Amino acid sequence: MALSLQVIYPVTDETHFDYDYYLGTHMPMVDEHMGAHIASVLVTKGVASGPDAPPESYAVATMTFVDQAALDAALGAAGPVIADIGNFTNTRPQMLIGEVIA
């Protein structure tokens, strides 16, 4: 069964997010360390949380995996990626691991 890992970066009054670093350095690092295990990657930049509402998330990275073994291998290789988070944001990322159902 296919699985997904979503990393969500919430916006708060005290946080910042460097999109240039995220796209230019962090996401290539994801590819370098975890990419062999990832089936697909989608990065979404938050622009709104509804009509006339500011975004509640800076970005959401969605990675899909063919099975649990691929997800486990990617997470096992994620140490340098996780250590890099403080270089582009001071928000606390949320993670959602789920079954791909559609």
C-alpha atoms as a PDB file:
ATOM      1  CA  MET A   1       0.000   0.000   0.000  1.00  0.00           C
ATOM      2  CA  ALA A   2       1.286   3.470  -0.902  1.00  0.00           C
ATOM      3  CA  LEU A   3       1.995   5.890   1.939  1.00  0.00           C
ATOM      4  CA  SER A   4       2.561   9.620   2.162  1.00  0.00           C
ATOM      5  CA  LEU A   5       4.559  11.837   4.457  1.00  0.00           C
ATOM      6  CA  GLN A   6       3.456  15.434   4.705  1.00  0.00           C
ATOM      7  CA  VAL A   7       5.605  18.014   6.443  1.00  0.00           C
ATOM      8  CA  ILE A   8       3.586  21.108   7.324  1.00  0.00           C
ATOM      9  CA  TYR A   9       5.245  24.358   8.392  1.00  0.00           C
ATOM     10  CA  PRO A  10       2.730  26.423  10.437  1.00  0.00           C
ATOM     11  CA  VAL A  11       2.722  30.217  10.475  1.00  0.00           C
ATOM     12  CA  THR A  12       2.729  32.041  13.817  1.00  0.00           C
ATOM     13  CA  ASP A  13       3.475  35.652  14.734  1.00  0.00           C
ATOM     14  CA  GLU A  14       6.934  34.703  16.006  1.00  0.00           C
ATOM     15  CA  THR A  15       8.104  32.568  13.056  1.00  0.00           C
ATOM     16  CA  HIS A  16       9.810  33.090   9.725  1.00  0.00           C
ATOM     17  CA  PHE A  17      10.464  30.953   6.655  1.00  0.00           C
ATOM     18  CA  ASP A  18      13.181  31.378   3.996  1.00  0.00           C
ATOM     19  CA  TYR A  19      11.673  30.028   0.763  1.00  0.00           C
ATOM     20  CA  ASP A  20      14.875  30.566  -1.240  1.00  0.00           C
ATOM     21  CA  TYR A  21      16.905  28.402   1.148  1.00  0.00           C
ATOM     22  CA  TYR A  22      14.102  25.844   1.402  1.00  0.00           C
ATOM     23  CA  LEU A  23      13.853  25.371  -2.364  1.00  0.00           C
ATOM     24  CA  GLY A  24      17.506  25.921  -3.249  1.00  0.00           C
ATOM     25  CA  THR A  25      19.233  23.997  -0.461  1.00  0.00           C
ATOM     26  CA  HIS A  26      16.836  22.021   1.734  1.00  0.00           C
ATOM     27  CA  MET A  27      14.791  20.259  -0.942  1.00  0.00           C
ATOM     28  CA  PRO A  28      17.953  19.183  -2.857  1.00  0.00           C
ATOM     29  CA  MET A  29      19.151  17.790   0.490  1.00  0.00           C
ATOM     30  CA  VAL A  30      15.888  15.824   0.768  1.00  0.00           C
ATOM     31  CA  ASP A  31      16.584  14.403  -2.681  1.00  0.00           C
ATOM     32  CA  GLU A  32      20.197  13.582  -1.814  1.00  0.00           C
ATOM     33  CA  HIS A  33      19.470  11.726   1.421  1.00  0.00           C
ATOM     34  CA  MET A  34      15.939  10.391   0.965  1.00  0.00           C
ATOM     35  CA  GLY A  35      15.242  10.577  -2.768  1.00  0.00           C
ATOM     36  CA  ALA A  36      16.116   6.988  -3.607  1.00  0.00           C
ATOM     37  CA  HIS A  37      13.135   5.895  -1.504  1.00  0.00           C
ATOM     38  CA  ILE A  38      10.608   8.564  -2.555  1.00  0.00           C
ATOM     39  CA  ALA A  39       8.126   7.906  -5.377  1.00  0.00           C
ATOM     40  CA  SER A  40       7.074  11.566  -5.782  1.00  0.00           C
ATOM     41  CA  VAL A  41       7.419  14.981  -4.152  1.00  0.00           C
ATOM     42  CA  LEU A  42       5.068  17.961  -4.227  1.00  0.00           C
ATOM     43  CA  VAL A  43       5.822  21.247  -2.465  1.00  0.00           C
ATOM     44  CA  THR A  44       2.997  23.727  -1.955  1.00  0.00           C
ATOM     45  CA  LYS A  45       3.542  27.325  -0.811  1.00  0.00           C
ATOM     46  CA  GLY A  46       0.746  28.624   1.389  1.00  0.00           C
ATOM     47  CA  VAL A  47      -1.004  31.668  -0.064  1.00  0.00           C
ATOM     48  CA  ALA A  48      -4.349  31.615   1.760  1.00  0.00           C
ATOM     49  CA  SER A  49      -6.391  29.585   4.220  1.00  0.00           C
ATOM     50  CA  GLY A  50      -9.658  30.506   2.574  1.00  0.00           C
ATOM     51  CA  PRO A  51     -11.265  33.519   0.948  1.00  0.00           C
ATOM     52  CA  ASP A  52      -9.668  36.655   2.399  1.00  0.00           C
ATOM     53  CA  ALA A  53      -7.789  34.620   5.049  1.00  0.00           C
ATOM     54  CA  PRO A  54      -3.996  34.609   5.345  1.00  0.00           C
ATOM     55  CA  PRO A  55      -2.221  31.248   5.079  1.00  0.00           C
ATOM     56  CA  GLU A  56      -1.912  29.162   8.235  1.00  0.00           C
ATOM     57  CA  SER A  57       1.073  27.288   6.771  1.00  0.00           C
ATOM     58  CA  TYR A  58       4.191  28.547   5.030  1.00  0.00           C
ATOM     59  CA  ALA A  59       4.481  25.365   2.997  1.00  0.00           C
ATOM     60  CA  VAL A  60       3.507  21.710   2.840  1.00  0.00           C
ATOM     61  CA  ALA A  61       5.885  19.109   1.435  1.00  0.00           C
ATOM     62  CA  THR A  62       4.142  15.910   0.364  1.00  0.00           C
ATOM     63  CA  MET A  63       6.249  12.846  -0.370  1.00  0.00           C
ATOM     64  CA  THR A  64       4.796   9.537  -1.481  1.00  0.00           C
ATOM     65  CA  PHE A  65       6.271   6.071  -1.020  1.00  0.00           C
ATOM     66  CA  VAL A  66       5.398   2.765  -2.654  1.00  0.00           C
ATOM     67  CA  ASP A  67       5.238   0.950   0.689  1.00  0.00           C
ATOM     68  CA  GLN A  68       6.148   0.987   4.379  1.00  0.00           C
ATOM     69  CA  ALA A  69       9.669  -0.281   3.705  1.00  0.00           C
ATOM     70  CA  ALA A  70      10.402   2.700   1.422  1.00  0.00           C
ATOM     71  CA  LEU A  71       9.009   5.140   3.997  1.00  0.00           C
ATOM     72  CA  ASP A  72      11.053   3.513   6.760  1.00  0.00           C
ATOM     73  CA  ALA A  73      14.217   3.693   4.665  1.00  0.00           C
ATOM     74  CA  ALA A  74      13.626   7.365   3.860  1.00  0.00           C
ATOM     75  CA  LEU A  75      13.011   8.222   7.505  1.00  0.00           C
ATOM     76  CA  GLY A  76      16.131   6.308   8.459  1.00  0.00           C
ATOM     77  CA  ALA A  77      18.155   8.505   6.108  1.00  0.00           C
ATOM     78  CA  ALA A  78      16.483  11.775   7.139  1.00  0.00           C
ATOM     79  CA  GLY A  79      18.866  12.818   9.943  1.00  0.00           C
ATOM     80  CA  PRO A  80      20.753  15.501   7.966  1.00  0.00           C
ATOM     81  CA  VAL A  81      17.478  16.767   6.494  1.00  0.00           C
ATOM     82  CA  ILE A  82      15.897  17.165   9.922  1.00  0.00           C
ATOM     83  CA  ALA A  83      19.047  18.833  11.274  1.00  0.00           C
ATOM     84  CA  ASP A  84      18.812  21.418   8.460  1.00  0.00           C
ATOM     85  CA  ILE A  85      15.329  22.718   9.360  1.00  0.00           C
ATOM     86  CA  GLY A  86      16.672  25.466  11.638  1.00  0.00           C
ATOM     87  CA  ASN A  87      18.548  26.952   8.688  1.00  0.00           C
ATOM     88  CA  PHE A  88      15.333  28.128   6.977  1.00  0.00           C
ATOM     89  CA  THR A  89      12.658  28.399   9.661  1.00  0.00           C
ATOM     90  CA  ASN A  90      12.056  28.650  13.378  1.00  0.00           C
ATOM     91  CA  THR A  91       8.562  27.187  13.205  1.00  0.00           C
ATOM     92  CA  ARG A  92       7.991  23.663  14.520  1.00  0.00           C
ATOM     93  CA  PRO A  93       7.041  21.430  11.577  1.00  0.00           C
ATOM     94  CA  GLN A  94       4.152  19.037  11.888  1.00  0.00           C
ATOM     95  CA  MET A  95       4.260  15.634  10.225  1.00  0.00           C
ATOM     96  CA  LEU A  96       1.420  13.508   8.930  1.00  0.00           C
ATOM     97  CA  ILE A  97       2.032   9.961   7.732  1.00  0.00           C
ATOM     98  CA  GLY A  98      -0.917   8.460   5.966  1.00  0.00           C
ATOM     99  CA  GLU A  99      -2.236   5.848   3.582  1.00  0.00           C
ATOM    100  CA  VAL A 100      -2.753   7.083   0.037  1.00  0.00           C
ATOM    101  CA  ILE A 101      -6.405   6.284  -0.666  1.00  0.00           C
ATOM    102  CA  ALA A 102      -7.114   8.282  -3.824  1.00  0.00           C
END
